[in-house]
Amino acid sequence: MNIDGLKEKIKPELESIFGSSMTNLILNKAKIRVSSDKVADEHTRCRTYIECLASDERVVGMWGNLEVKDRLSKWMNYL
């Protein structure tokens, strides 16, 4: 799995709650954060991407900690 593959799997879940524009902002913020780490292998970068999505204040604010924990676990299983 790579970042683009993860994005395609996770994006519909986020869009159903946040809409297209906000989802794109959330996904792009995570991708920028991961892009700055050129040393990490792809698996590590994917984990960081997922963790960044799950820790985004908008995501936590909308879903709450319990739902975010469940989504984080689900998303990590994509790896």
PDB file of N, CA and C in Angstrom:
ATOM      1  N   MET A   1       0.851  -1.181   0.000  1.00  0.00           N
ATOM      2  CA  MET A   1       0.000   0.000   0.000  1.00  0.00           C
ATOM      3  C   MET A   1       0.890   1.236   0.000  1.00  0.00           C
ATOM      4  N   ASN A   2       0.455   2.236  -0.730  1.00  0.00           N
ATOM      5  CA  ASN A   2       1.167   3.515  -0.735  1.00  0.00           C
ATOM      6  C   ASN A   2       0.197   4.632  -0.331  1.00  0.00           C
ATOM      7  N   ILE A   3       0.716   5.843  -0.252  1.00  0.00           N
ATOM      8  CA  ILE A   3      -0.087   6.982   0.199  1.00  0.00           C
ATOM      9  C   ILE A   3      -1.312   7.188  -0.700  1.00  0.00           C
ATOM     10  N   ASP A   4      -1.127   7.112  -2.001  1.00  0.00           N
ATOM     11  CA  ASP A   4      -2.247   7.329  -2.915  1.00  0.00           C
ATOM     12  C   ASP A   4      -3.320   6.252  -2.753  1.00  0.00           C
ATOM     13  N   GLY A   5      -2.907   5.014  -2.529  1.00  0.00           N
ATOM     14  CA  GLY A   5      -3.851   3.935  -2.286  1.00  0.00           C
ATOM     15  C   GLY A   5      -4.634   4.148  -1.001  1.00  0.00           C
ATOM     16  N   LEU A   6      -3.931   4.574   0.042  1.00  0.00           N
ATOM     17  CA  LEU A   6      -4.590   4.881   1.308  1.00  0.00           C
ATOM     18  C   LEU A   6      -5.600   6.006   1.131  1.00  0.00           C
ATOM     19  N   LYS A   7      -5.182   7.028   0.411  1.00  0.00           N
ATOM     20  CA  LYS A   7      -6.061   8.181   0.184  1.00  0.00           C
ATOM     21  C   LYS A   7      -7.363   7.738  -0.463  1.00  0.00           C
ATOM     22  N   GLU A   8      -7.289   6.871  -1.451  1.00  0.00           N
ATOM     23  CA  GLU A   8      -8.484   6.412  -2.152  1.00  0.00           C
ATOM     24  C   GLU A   8      -9.398   5.586  -1.254  1.00  0.00           C
ATOM     25  N   LYS A   9      -8.826   4.868  -0.294  1.00  0.00           N
ATOM     26  CA  LYS A   9      -9.635   4.071   0.626  1.00  0.00           C
ATOM     27  C   LYS A   9     -10.279   4.925   1.716  1.00  0.00           C
ATOM     28  N   ILE A  10      -9.540   5.916   2.210  1.00  0.00           N
ATOM     29  CA  ILE A  10      -9.987   6.718   3.346  1.00  0.00           C
ATOM     30  C   ILE A  10     -10.864   7.899   2.915  1.00  0.00           C
ATOM     31  N   LYS A  11     -10.600   8.446   1.754  1.00  0.00           N
ATOM     32  CA  LYS A  11     -11.286   9.655   1.293  1.00  0.00           C
ATOM     33  C   LYS A  11     -12.813   9.562   1.353  1.00  0.00           C
ATOM     34  N   PRO A  12     -13.440   8.460   0.902  1.00  0.00           N
ATOM     35  CA  PRO A  12     -14.907   8.406   0.967  1.00  0.00           C
ATOM     36  C   PRO A  12     -15.463   8.512   2.395  1.00  0.00           C
ATOM     37  N   GLU A  13     -14.757   7.940   3.356  1.00  0.00           N
ATOM     38  CA  GLU A  13     -15.201   8.033   4.752  1.00  0.00           C
ATOM     39  C   GLU A  13     -15.184   9.482   5.229  1.00  0.00           C
ATOM     40  N   LEU A  14     -14.127  10.185   4.894  1.00  0.00           N
ATOM     41  CA  LEU A  14     -14.011  11.581   5.302  1.00  0.00           C
ATOM     42  C   LEU A  14     -15.018  12.457   4.557  1.00  0.00           C
ATOM     43  N   GLU A  15     -15.180  12.210   3.273  1.00  0.00           N
ATOM     44  CA  GLU A  15     -16.110  13.017   2.470  1.00  0.00           C
ATOM     45  C   GLU A  15     -17.548  12.896   2.954  1.00  0.00           C
ATOM     46  N   SER A  16     -17.918  11.731   3.456  1.00  0.00           N
ATOM     47  CA  SER A  16     -19.292  11.553   3.912  1.00  0.00           C
ATOM     48  C   SER A  16     -19.596  12.421   5.136  1.00  0.00           C
ATOM     49  N   ILE A  17     -18.572  12.811   5.856  1.00  0.00           N
ATOM     50  CA  ILE A  17     -18.736  13.643   7.050  1.00  0.00           C
ATOM     51  C   ILE A  17     -18.388  15.106   6.772  1.00  0.00           C
ATOM     52  N   PHE A  18     -17.283  15.339   6.090  1.00  0.00           N
ATOM     53  CA  PHE A  18     -16.735  16.684   5.944  1.00  0.00           C
ATOM     54  C   PHE A  18     -17.018  17.354   4.601  1.00  0.00           C
ATOM     55  N   GLY A  19     -17.483  16.595   3.643  1.00  0.00           N
ATOM     56  CA  GLY A  19     -17.647  17.146   2.303  1.00  0.00           C
ATOM     57  C   GLY A  19     -16.317  17.144   1.560  1.00  0.00           C
ATOM     58  N   SER A  20     -16.380  17.447   0.289  1.00  0.00           N
ATOM     59  CA  SER A  20     -15.216  17.353  -0.589  1.00  0.00           C
ATOM     60  C   SER A  20     -14.108  18.356  -0.254  1.00  0.00           C
ATOM     61  N   SER A  21     -14.466  19.608  -0.092  1.00  0.00           N
ATOM     62  CA  SER A  21     -13.447  20.646   0.127  1.00  0.00           C
ATOM     63  C   SER A  21     -12.675  20.437   1.419  1.00  0.00           C
ATOM     64  N   MET A  22     -13.381  20.209   2.525  1.00  0.00           N
ATOM     65  CA  MET A  22     -12.720  20.023   3.807  1.00  0.00           C
ATOM     66  C   MET A  22     -11.899  18.735   3.804  1.00  0.00           C
ATOM     67  N   THR A  23     -12.421  17.698   3.178  1.00  0.00           N
ATOM     68  CA  THR A  23     -11.682  16.441   3.081  1.00  0.00           C
ATOM     69  C   THR A  23     -10.366  16.650   2.356  1.00  0.00           C
ATOM     70  N   ASN A  24     -10.396  17.387   1.265  1.00  0.00           N
ATOM     71  CA  ASN A  24      -9.167  17.654   0.522  1.00  0.00           C
ATOM     72  C   ASN A  24      -8.154  18.418   1.369  1.00  0.00           C
ATOM     73  N   LEU A  25      -8.619  19.357   2.174  1.00  0.00           N
ATOM     74  CA  LEU A  25      -7.710  20.084   3.072  1.00  0.00           C
ATOM     75  C   LEU A  25      -7.072  19.147   4.088  1.00  0.00           C
ATOM     76  N   ILE A  26      -7.872  18.261   4.673  1.00  0.00           N
ATOM     77  CA  ILE A  26      -7.367  17.312   5.663  1.00  0.00           C
ATOM     78  C   ILE A  26      -6.347  16.363   5.029  1.00  0.00           C
ATOM     79  N   LEU A  27      -6.685  15.828   3.862  1.00  0.00           N
ATOM     80  CA  LEU A  27      -5.787  14.886   3.177  1.00  0.00           C
ATOM     81  C   LEU A  27      -4.492  15.566   2.737  1.00  0.00           C
ATOM     82  N   ASN A  28      -4.609  16.781   2.235  1.00  0.00           N
ATOM     83  CA  ASN A  28      -3.410  17.498   1.777  1.00  0.00           C
ATOM     84  C   ASN A  28      -2.492  17.862   2.930  1.00  0.00           C
ATOM     85  N   LYS A  29      -3.057  18.226   4.060  1.00  0.00           N
ATOM     86  CA  LYS A  29      -2.235  18.528   5.237  1.00  0.00           C
ATOM     87  C   LYS A  29      -1.422  17.302   5.643  1.00  0.00           C
ATOM     88  N   ALA A  30      -2.064  16.150   5.644  1.00  0.00           N
ATOM     89  CA  ALA A  30      -1.365  14.912   5.998  1.00  0.00           C
ATOM     90  C   ALA A  30      -0.293  14.565   4.966  1.00  0.00           C
ATOM     91  N   LYS A  31      -0.608  14.758   3.703  1.00  0.00           N
ATOM     92  CA  LYS A  31       0.356  14.418   2.647  1.00  0.00           C
ATOM     93  C   LYS A  31       1.576  15.338   2.703  1.00  0.00           C
ATOM     94  N   ILE A  32       1.358  16.608   2.979  1.00  0.00           N
ATOM     95  CA  ILE A  32       2.478  17.547   3.101  1.00  0.00           C
ATOM     96  C   ILE A  32       3.390  17.138   4.255  1.00  0.00           C
ATOM     97  N   ARG A  33       2.782  16.766   5.353  1.00  0.00           N
ATOM     98  CA  ARG A  33       3.583  16.341   6.512  1.00  0.00           C
ATOM     99  C   ARG A  33       4.436  15.118   6.180  1.00  0.00           C
ATOM    100  N   VAL A  34       3.848  14.167   5.479  1.00  0.00           N
ATOM    101  CA  VAL A  34       4.568  12.949   5.116  1.00  0.00           C
ATOM    102  C   VAL A  34       5.627  13.228   4.053  1.00  0.00           C
ATOM    103  N   SER A  35       5.335  14.125   3.135  1.00  0.00           N
ATOM    104  CA  SER A  35       6.262  14.439   2.044  1.00  0.00           C
ATOM    105  C   SER A  35       7.569  15.046   2.544  1.00  0.00           C
ATOM    106  N   SER A  36       7.511  15.651   3.698  1.00  0.00           N
ATOM    107  CA  SER A  36       8.731  16.275   4.225  1.00  0.00           C
ATOM    108  C   SER A  36       9.722  15.252   4.768  1.00  0.00           C
ATOM    109  N   ASP A  37       9.288  14.009   4.958  1.00  0.00           N
ATOM    110  CA  ASP A  37      10.169  12.956   5.466  1.00  0.00           C
ATOM    111  C   ASP A  37      10.640  12.082   4.309  1.00  0.00           C
ATOM    112  N   LYS A  38      11.758  12.448   3.738  1.00  0.00           N
ATOM    113  CA  LYS A  38      12.294  11.729   2.576  1.00  0.00           C
ATOM    114  C   LYS A  38      13.098  10.492   2.970  1.00  0.00           C
ATOM    115  N   VAL A  39      13.398  10.341   4.258  1.00  0.00           N
ATOM    116  CA  VAL A  39      14.248   9.247   4.726  1.00  0.00           C
ATOM    117  C   VAL A  39      13.448   7.985   5.018  1.00  0.00           C
ATOM    118  N   ALA A  40      12.236   8.127   5.503  1.00  0.00           N
ATOM    119  CA  ALA A  40      11.428   6.979   5.923  1.00  0.00           C
ATOM    120  C   ALA A  40      11.039   6.098   4.738  1.00  0.00           C
ATOM    121  N   ASP A  41      10.876   4.804   5.022  1.00  0.00           N
ATOM    122  CA  ASP A  41      10.413   3.890   3.977  1.00  0.00           C
ATOM    123  C   ASP A  41       8.903   4.094   3.769  1.00  0.00           C
ATOM    124  N   GLU A  42       8.360   3.499   2.741  1.00  0.00           N
ATOM    125  CA  GLU A  42       6.960   3.733   2.363  1.00  0.00           C
ATOM    126  C   GLU A  42       5.995   3.288   3.466  1.00  0.00           C
ATOM    127  N   HIS A  43       6.274   2.182   4.117  1.00  0.00           N
ATOM    128  CA  HIS A  43       5.404   1.697   5.184  1.00  0.00           C
ATOM    129  C   HIS A  43       5.336   2.715   6.330  1.00  0.00           C
ATOM    130  N   THR A  44       6.473   3.239   6.714  1.00  0.00           N
ATOM    131  CA  THR A  44       6.535   4.228   7.792  1.00  0.00           C
ATOM    132  C   THR A  44       5.810   5.503   7.383  1.00  0.00           C
ATOM    133  N   ARG A  45       5.991   5.906   6.147  1.00  0.00           N
ATOM    134  CA  ARG A  45       5.313   7.099   5.650  1.00  0.00           C
ATOM    135  C   ARG A  45       3.796   6.903   5.646  1.00  0.00           C
ATOM    136  N   CYS A  46       3.335   5.713   5.298  1.00  0.00           N
ATOM    137  CA  CYS A  46       1.905   5.418   5.312  1.00  0.00           C
ATOM    138  C   CYS A  46       1.352   5.457   6.741  1.00  0.00           C
ATOM    139  N   ARG A  47       2.083   4.894   7.682  1.00  0.00           N
ATOM    140  CA  ARG A  47       1.657   4.945   9.091  1.00  0.00           C
ATOM    141  C   ARG A  47       1.560   6.390   9.565  1.00  0.00           C
ATOM    142  N   THR A  48       2.551   7.192   9.209  1.00  0.00           N
ATOM    143  CA  THR A  48       2.550   8.601   9.600  1.00  0.00           C
ATOM    144  C   THR A  48       1.362   9.329   8.981  1.00  0.00           C
ATOM    145  N   TYR A  49       1.064   9.027   7.737  1.00  0.00           N
ATOM    146  CA  TYR A  49      -0.075   9.626   7.036  1.00  0.00           C
ATOM    147  C   TYR A  49      -1.379   9.331   7.779  1.00  0.00           C
ATOM    148  N   ILE A  50      -1.579   8.078   8.132  1.00  0.00           N
ATOM    149  CA  ILE A  50      -2.787   7.672   8.844  1.00  0.00           C
ATOM    150  C   ILE A  50      -2.852   8.342  10.209  1.00  0.00           C
ATOM    151  N   GLU A  51      -1.737   8.360  10.914  1.00  0.00           N
ATOM    152  CA  GLU A  51      -1.700   8.995  12.234  1.00  0.00           C
ATOM    153  C   GLU A  51      -1.995  10.485  12.149  1.00  0.00           C
ATOM    154  N   CYS A  52      -1.514  11.118  11.107  1.00  0.00           N
ATOM    155  CA  CYS A  52      -1.777  12.547  10.909  1.00  0.00           C
ATOM    156  C   CYS A  52      -3.265  12.785  10.651  1.00  0.00           C
ATOM    157  N   LEU A  53      -3.885  11.946   9.837  1.00  0.00           N
ATOM    158  CA  LEU A  53      -5.316  12.079   9.584  1.00  0.00           C
ATOM    159  C   LEU A  53      -6.111  11.914  10.872  1.00  0.00           C
ATOM    160  N   ALA A  54      -5.743  10.915  11.655  1.00  0.00           N
ATOM    161  CA  ALA A  54      -6.477  10.609  12.881  1.00  0.00           C
ATOM    162  C   ALA A  54      -6.259  11.651  13.972  1.00  0.00           C
ATOM    163  N   SER A  55      -5.183  12.406  13.876  1.00  0.00           N
ATOM    164  CA  SER A  55      -4.922  13.416  14.906  1.00  0.00           C
ATOM    165  C   SER A  55      -5.350  14.824  14.476  1.00  0.00           C
ATOM    166  N   ASP A  56      -5.840  14.958  13.250  1.00  0.00           N
ATOM    167  CA  ASP A  56      -6.302  16.263  12.781  1.00  0.00           C
ATOM    168  C   ASP A  56      -7.415  16.756  13.705  1.00  0.00           C
ATOM    169  N   GLU A  57      -7.307  17.987  14.138  1.00  0.00           N
ATOM    170  CA  GLU A  57      -8.263  18.531  15.111  1.00  0.00           C
ATOM    171  C   GLU A  57      -9.698  18.539  14.592  1.00  0.00           C
ATOM    172  N   ARG A  58      -9.866  18.676  13.287  1.00  0.00           N
ATOM    173  CA  ARG A  58     -11.216  18.660  12.715  1.00  0.00           C
ATOM    174  C   ARG A  58     -11.823  17.257  12.796  1.00  0.00           C
ATOM    175  N   VAL A  59     -10.995  16.260  12.546  1.00  0.00           N
ATOM    176  CA  VAL A  59     -11.444  14.867  12.612  1.00  0.00           C
ATOM    177  C   VAL A  59     -11.791  14.496  14.055  1.00  0.00           C
ATOM    178  N   VAL A  60     -10.902  14.806  14.965  1.00  0.00           N
ATOM    179  CA  VAL A  60     -11.144  14.504  16.379  1.00  0.00           C
ATOM    180  C   VAL A  60     -12.374  15.262  16.888  1.00  0.00           C
ATOM    181  N   GLY A  61     -12.493  16.509  16.487  1.00  0.00           N
ATOM    182  CA  GLY A  61     -13.626  17.317  16.913  1.00  0.00           C
ATOM    183  C   GLY A  61     -14.961  16.777  16.423  1.00  0.00           C
ATOM    184  N   MET A  62     -14.975  16.241  15.222  1.00  0.00           N
ATOM    185  CA  MET A  62     -16.224  15.732  14.650  1.00  0.00           C
ATOM    186  C   MET A  62     -16.562  14.332  15.165  1.00  0.00           C
ATOM    187  N   TRP A  63     -15.548  13.449  15.219  1.00  0.00           N
ATOM    188  CA  TRP A  63     -15.796  12.063  15.572  1.00  0.00           C
ATOM    189  C   TRP A  63     -15.606  11.758  17.054  1.00  0.00           C
ATOM    190  N   GLY A  64     -14.781  12.512  17.732  1.00  0.00           N
ATOM    191  CA  GLY A  64     -14.465  12.199  19.122  1.00  0.00           C
ATOM    192  C   GLY A  64     -13.376  11.139  19.201  1.00  0.00           C
ATOM    193  N   ASN A  65     -12.777  11.023  20.365  1.00  0.00           N
ATOM    194  CA  ASN A  65     -11.618  10.144  20.536  1.00  0.00           C
ATOM    195  C   ASN A  65     -11.922   8.671  20.295  1.00  0.00           C
ATOM    196  N   LEU A  66     -13.075   8.193  20.736  1.00  0.00           N
ATOM    197  CA  LEU A  66     -13.401   6.779  20.578  1.00  0.00           C
ATOM    198  C   LEU A  66     -13.558   6.396  19.108  1.00  0.00           C
ATOM    199  N   GLU A  67     -14.309   7.198  18.358  1.00  0.00           N
ATOM    200  CA  GLU A  67     -14.491   6.917  16.930  1.00  0.00           C
ATOM    201  C   GLU A  67     -13.166   7.038  16.181  1.00  0.00           C
ATOM    202  N   VAL A  68     -12.355   8.023  16.524  1.00  0.00           N
ATOM    203  CA  VAL A  68     -11.054   8.187  15.875  1.00  0.00           C
ATOM    204  C   VAL A  68     -10.182   6.966  16.147  1.00  0.00           C
ATOM    205  N   LYS A  69     -10.225   6.469  17.351  1.00  0.00           N
ATOM    206  CA  LYS A  69      -9.439   5.270  17.688  1.00  0.00           C
ATOM    207  C   LYS A  69      -9.884   4.081  16.837  1.00  0.00           C
ATOM    208  N   ASP A  70     -11.190   3.922  16.663  1.00  0.00           N
ATOM    209  CA  ASP A  70     -11.713   2.841  15.821  1.00  0.00           C
ATOM    210  C   ASP A  70     -11.289   3.017  14.359  1.00  0.00           C
ATOM    211  N   ARG A  71     -11.382   4.237  13.856  1.00  0.00           N
ATOM    212  CA  ARG A  71     -10.989   4.499  12.463  1.00  0.00           C
ATOM    213  C   ARG A  71      -9.487   4.292  12.273  1.00  0.00           C
ATOM    214  N   LEU A  72      -8.706   4.732  13.245  1.00  0.00           N
ATOM    215  CA  LEU A  72      -7.252   4.560  13.173  1.00  0.00           C
ATOM    216  C   LEU A  72      -6.915   3.075  13.056  1.00  0.00           C
ATOM    217  N   SER A  73      -7.546   2.274  13.867  1.00  0.00           N
ATOM    218  CA  SER A  73      -7.315   0.830  13.818  1.00  0.00           C
ATOM    219  C   SER A  73      -7.721   0.258  12.458  1.00  0.00           C
ATOM    220  N   LYS A  74      -8.864   0.665  11.963  1.00  0.00           N
ATOM    221  CA  LYS A  74      -9.336   0.210  10.653  1.00  0.00           C
ATOM    222  C   LYS A  74      -8.362   0.614   9.550  1.00  0.00           C
ATOM    223  N   TRP A  75      -7.943   1.873   9.575  1.00  0.00           N
ATOM    224  CA  TRP A  75      -7.038   2.371   8.541  1.00  0.00           C
ATOM    225  C   TRP A  75      -5.673   1.694   8.599  1.00  0.00           C
ATOM    226  N   MET A  76      -5.190   1.404   9.790  1.00  0.00           N
ATOM    227  CA  MET A  76      -3.907   0.711   9.926  1.00  0.00           C
ATOM    228  C   MET A  76      -3.983  -0.703   9.334  1.00  0.00           C
ATOM    229  N   ASN A  77      -5.165  -1.294   9.364  1.00  0.00           N
ATOM    230  CA  ASN A  77      -5.329  -2.615   8.768  1.00  0.00           C
ATOM    231  C   ASN A  77      -5.215  -2.601   7.245  1.00  0.00           C
ATOM    232  N   TYR A  78      -5.323  -1.422   6.634  1.00  0.00           N
ATOM    233  CA  TYR A  78      -5.111  -1.325   5.188  1.00  0.00           C
ATOM    234  C   TYR A  78      -3.654  -1.588   4.826  1.00  0.00           C
ATOM    235  N   LEU A  79      -2.772  -1.408   5.794  1.00  0.00           N
ATOM    236  CA  LEU A  79      -1.353  -1.641   5.542  1.00  0.00           C
ATOM    237  C   LEU A  79      -1.082  -3.123   5.533  1.00  0.00           C
TER     238      LEU A  79
END
